[in-house]
Amino acid sequence: MSEPTRILAIRHGETAWNVDTRLQGHLDIPLNDVGLRQAQHLAQSLAGRDAIDAIYASDLSRAHTTAQAIAQAVGQTVGLHPGLRERHFGAFQGRTFAEIEVELPEHALHWRKRTPDWTPPEGGESLLVLRERIIRTVNELAAKHPGQQIVLVAHGGVLDILYRAATRLELQAPRTWALTNTAVNRLLWTAQGLSLVGWGDTSHLEGLGKDETSA
């Protein structure tokens, strides 16, 4: 039986659309100035911790840029993987939460209820499809690094799925955990699945202003 893989799962730094509560999905929105500073503080913090053996990131720039800051600090390179992308929100992408409620009320209800098999219009992913994609990707990447520690830089929806998988929570269970930009979330992977070690470490953000640590 192979040794477990330690995972640091991290959401990208802040973007302007995070601030506006505008859904990004697969749209490629860059980090804002706050997000860039968050990424640098994160990278400096990780450089002083345990060895990092590999770094993987979503191929969307907000995740890739965050991962690249870590890679430069710890002397690694970044492997990009589209399987770590945010959920595809279809017609919701580019709209704010408020706009979705007004313009697509029936779909907004399914979104709020977290209907597992509901698919956002215009090419979106259901929660069931998203979960299958994320778990398949993490299994693929973690299996390459038995006994090692890897970093996965992704998105809020991805981190939500990982938390549920590690705690055996259903897709429709209410979320009671934070998905803060650049928080460090610790997981353990074996062939039997994920387990939770620690969640939501934002100690590296203590030197930033209060407005720079929001979810």
Protein backbone atom coordinates (compact mmCIF):
# COMPACT_ATOMS: atom_id res chain seq x y z
CA MET A 1 0.00 0.00 0.00
CA SER A 2 1.47 3.35 -1.08
CA GLU A 3 1.99 6.26 1.28
CA PRO A 4 -0.63 9.05 1.36
CA THR A 5 -0.18 12.28 -0.57
CA ARG A 6 -0.40 15.54 1.38
CA ILE A 7 -2.30 18.27 -0.45
CA LEU A 8 -2.34 22.02 0.06
CA ALA A 9 -5.51 23.10 -1.76
CA ILE A 10 -5.63 26.85 -2.37
CA ARG A 11 -8.12 29.20 -3.96
CA HIS A 12 -6.65 31.87 -6.25
CA GLY A 13 -6.15 35.45 -5.09
CA GLU A 14 -8.85 38.08 -5.32
CA THR A 15 -10.17 39.43 -8.64
CA ALA A 16 -12.28 42.49 -9.43
CA TRP A 17 -15.18 40.16 -10.19
CA ASN A 18 -14.91 38.54 -6.75
CA VAL A 19 -15.44 42.00 -5.28
CA ASP A 20 -18.41 42.64 -7.59
CA THR A 21 -19.96 39.18 -6.83
CA ARG A 22 -19.83 38.54 -10.58
CA LEU A 23 -19.56 34.87 -11.57
CA GLN A 24 -16.37 34.07 -13.44
CA GLY A 25 -16.67 30.37 -14.22
CA HIS A 26 -14.47 29.60 -17.23
CA LEU A 27 -13.99 33.28 -18.12
CA ASP A 28 -10.35 34.26 -17.71
CA ILE A 29 -10.37 37.14 -15.21
CA PRO A 30 -6.96 38.27 -13.84
CA LEU A 31 -6.03 38.97 -10.24
CA ASN A 32 -6.54 42.52 -9.03
CA ASP A 33 -3.89 44.38 -7.02
CA VAL A 34 -5.15 42.89 -3.77
CA GLY A 35 -5.03 39.41 -5.26
CA LEU A 36 -1.46 39.90 -6.40
CA ARG A 37 -0.44 40.95 -2.88
CA GLN A 38 -2.30 38.00 -1.38
CA ALA A 39 -0.41 35.66 -3.70
CA GLN A 40 2.94 37.12 -2.68
CA HIS A 41 2.19 36.82 1.04
CA LEU A 42 1.03 33.25 0.50
CA ALA A 43 4.18 32.38 -1.44
CA GLN A 44 6.46 33.83 1.23
CA SER A 45 4.63 31.85 3.90
CA LEU A 46 4.85 28.54 2.04
CA ALA A 47 8.55 29.05 1.32
CA GLY A 48 9.21 28.73 5.05
CA ARG A 49 7.21 25.53 5.56
CA ASP A 50 7.63 21.87 4.64
CA ALA A 51 9.02 20.95 1.23
CA ILE A 52 6.66 21.21 -1.73
CA ASP A 53 7.26 18.49 -4.31
CA ALA A 54 4.93 19.66 -7.09
CA ILE A 55 2.54 22.50 -7.92
CA TYR A 56 -0.52 22.16 -10.13
CA ALA A 57 -2.99 24.86 -11.11
CA SER A 58 -6.06 25.55 -13.16
CA ASP A 59 -5.10 26.96 -16.54
CA LEU A 60 -7.18 30.09 -15.90
CA SER A 61 -4.87 33.04 -15.24
CA ARG A 62 -6.17 33.92 -11.77
CA ALA A 63 -5.11 30.48 -10.53
CA HIS A 64 -1.99 30.22 -12.69
CA THR A 65 -0.68 33.61 -11.49
CA THR A 66 -1.26 32.64 -7.85
CA ALA A 67 0.53 29.32 -8.39
CA GLN A 68 3.41 30.98 -10.21
CA ALA A 69 4.11 33.20 -7.18
CA ILE A 70 4.39 30.07 -5.03
CA ALA A 71 6.56 28.31 -7.59
CA GLN A 72 9.05 31.17 -7.70
CA ALA A 73 9.28 31.25 -3.90
CA VAL A 74 9.88 27.51 -3.47
CA GLY A 75 11.92 26.76 -6.58
CA GLN A 76 9.31 24.74 -8.46
CA THR A 77 7.45 24.94 -11.75
CA VAL A 78 3.68 24.93 -12.30
CA GLY A 79 1.84 22.18 -14.10
CA LEU A 80 -1.39 23.51 -15.64
CA HIS A 81 -4.45 21.25 -15.68
CA PRO A 82 -7.87 22.26 -17.12
CA GLY A 83 -9.46 19.68 -14.80
CA LEU A 84 -8.87 22.14 -11.94
CA ARG A 85 -10.96 24.87 -13.57
CA GLU A 86 -13.91 26.52 -11.87
CA ARG A 87 -17.39 25.19 -12.60
CA HIS A 88 -18.71 26.28 -15.99
CA PHE A 89 -21.69 28.46 -15.14
CA GLY A 90 -23.03 28.87 -18.67
CA ALA A 91 -25.32 31.90 -18.97
CA PHE A 92 -24.54 32.87 -15.36
CA GLN A 93 -20.97 33.79 -16.30
CA GLY A 94 -20.39 37.53 -16.34
CA ARG A 95 -23.53 38.24 -14.29
CA THR A 96 -23.67 39.34 -10.66
CA PHE A 97 -25.66 37.42 -8.07
CA ALA A 98 -28.34 40.13 -8.15
CA GLU A 99 -28.57 40.09 -11.96
CA ILE A 100 -29.01 36.32 -11.99
CA GLU A 101 -31.92 36.56 -9.53
CA VAL A 102 -33.70 39.14 -11.72
CA GLU A 103 -32.86 37.87 -15.22
CA LEU A 104 -32.93 34.08 -14.70
CA PRO A 105 -35.18 33.52 -11.66
CA GLU A 106 -36.13 29.87 -12.33
CA HIS A 107 -32.52 28.88 -12.85
CA ALA A 108 -31.47 30.97 -9.84
CA LEU A 109 -33.77 28.87 -7.65
CA HIS A 110 -32.01 25.65 -8.72
CA TRP A 111 -28.67 27.34 -8.11
CA ARG A 112 -29.65 28.41 -4.58
CA LYS A 113 -31.06 24.96 -3.80
CA ARG A 114 -27.90 23.31 -5.17
CA THR A 115 -29.93 20.91 -7.31
CA PRO A 116 -27.26 18.29 -8.12
CA ASP A 117 -28.36 17.44 -11.67
CA TRP A 118 -29.37 20.99 -12.70
CA THR A 119 -27.27 22.36 -15.54
CA PRO A 120 -26.89 26.14 -16.01
CA PRO A 121 -28.17 27.16 -19.46
CA GLU A 122 -25.80 27.70 -22.36
CA GLY A 123 -23.19 25.05 -21.69
CA GLY A 124 -22.88 24.99 -17.92
CA GLU A 125 -21.89 22.07 -15.69
CA SER A 126 -24.12 20.38 -13.13
CA LEU A 127 -22.75 19.81 -9.63
CA LEU A 128 -22.65 16.09 -10.38
CA VAL A 129 -20.51 16.64 -13.47
CA LEU A 130 -18.29 19.10 -11.61
CA ARG A 131 -17.72 16.67 -8.74
CA GLU A 132 -16.82 13.86 -11.12
CA ARG A 133 -14.32 16.10 -12.95
CA ILE A 134 -12.66 17.39 -9.80
CA ILE A 135 -12.33 14.02 -8.07
CA ARG A 136 -10.98 12.40 -11.24
CA THR A 137 -8.39 15.18 -11.62
CA VAL A 138 -7.27 15.11 -7.98
CA ASN A 139 -6.99 11.30 -8.04
CA GLU A 140 -4.85 11.55 -11.17
CA LEU A 141 -2.50 14.17 -9.77
CA ALA A 142 -2.23 12.92 -6.18
CA ALA A 143 -1.51 9.34 -7.28
CA LYS A 144 1.72 10.57 -8.90
CA HIS A 145 3.14 11.74 -5.55
CA PRO A 146 2.89 9.06 -2.83
CA GLY A 147 4.60 10.21 0.37
CA GLN A 148 5.00 13.75 -0.98
CA GLN A 149 3.31 17.13 -0.58
CA ILE A 150 1.71 18.90 -3.53
CA VAL A 151 -0.04 22.22 -4.03
CA LEU A 152 -3.28 22.52 -6.01
CA VAL A 153 -4.31 26.08 -6.90
CA ALA A 154 -7.87 26.29 -8.12
CA HIS A 155 -11.21 28.04 -7.51
CA GLY A 156 -13.97 28.39 -4.95
CA GLY A 157 -16.21 25.80 -6.56
CA VAL A 158 -13.35 23.33 -6.73
CA LEU A 159 -12.45 23.86 -3.08
CA ASP A 160 -16.10 23.39 -2.12
CA ILE A 161 -16.15 19.99 -3.83
CA LEU A 162 -12.89 18.95 -2.14
CA TYR A 163 -14.21 19.86 1.30
CA ARG A 164 -17.40 17.87 0.70
CA ALA A 165 -15.44 14.89 -0.57
CA ALA A 166 -13.06 14.94 2.41
CA THR A 167 -15.89 15.23 4.95
CA ARG A 168 -18.37 12.96 3.11
CA LEU A 169 -20.96 15.74 2.82
CA GLU A 170 -23.65 15.66 0.16
CA LEU A 171 -23.69 18.20 -2.66
CA GLN A 172 -26.84 19.83 -1.28
CA ALA A 173 -25.59 20.20 2.30
CA PRO A 174 -25.50 23.88 3.37
CA ARG A 175 -22.02 25.37 3.24
CA THR A 176 -20.69 26.27 6.69
CA TRP A 177 -17.00 26.59 5.75
CA ALA A 178 -15.12 29.53 4.23
CA LEU A 179 -13.63 29.65 0.74
CA THR A 180 -11.29 32.57 1.32
CA ASN A 181 -8.93 33.77 -1.40
CA THR A 182 -5.46 32.20 -0.91
CA ALA A 183 -6.41 30.39 2.33
CA VAL A 184 -4.37 27.20 2.83
CA ASN A 185 -6.49 24.07 3.12
CA ARG A 186 -4.82 20.78 4.07
CA LEU A 187 -6.02 17.42 2.81
CA LEU A 188 -4.69 13.88 2.80
CA TRP A 189 -5.19 11.63 -0.24
CA THR A 190 -5.05 7.85 -0.44
CA ALA A 191 -6.53 5.43 -2.95
CA GLN A 192 -9.59 5.31 -0.66
CA GLY A 193 -10.21 9.03 -1.08
CA LEU A 194 -9.64 12.36 0.65
CA SER A 195 -9.61 13.25 4.34
CA LEU A 196 -9.55 16.67 5.98
CA VAL A 197 -6.47 17.76 7.95
CA GLY A 198 -7.05 21.53 8.31
CA TRP A 199 -9.11 24.25 6.64
CA GLY A 200 -8.96 27.98 6.05
CA ASP A 201 -5.49 28.97 7.29
CA THR A 202 -5.15 32.69 6.51
CA SER A 203 -2.32 33.49 8.92
CA HIS A 204 -0.18 34.67 5.99
CA LEU A 205 -2.71 37.46 5.33
CA GLU A 206 -2.38 39.07 8.76
CA GLY A 207 -0.05 41.72 7.36
CA LEU A 208 -2.62 42.87 4.82
CA GLY A 209 -5.50 45.26 5.37
CA LYS A 210 -8.86 43.94 6.54
CA ASP A 211 -10.36 44.52 3.08
CA GLU A 212 -7.71 42.27 1.57
CA THR A 213 -8.70 39.10 3.45
CA SER A 214 -12.36 38.84 2.43
CA ALA A 215 -13.72 35.68 0.84
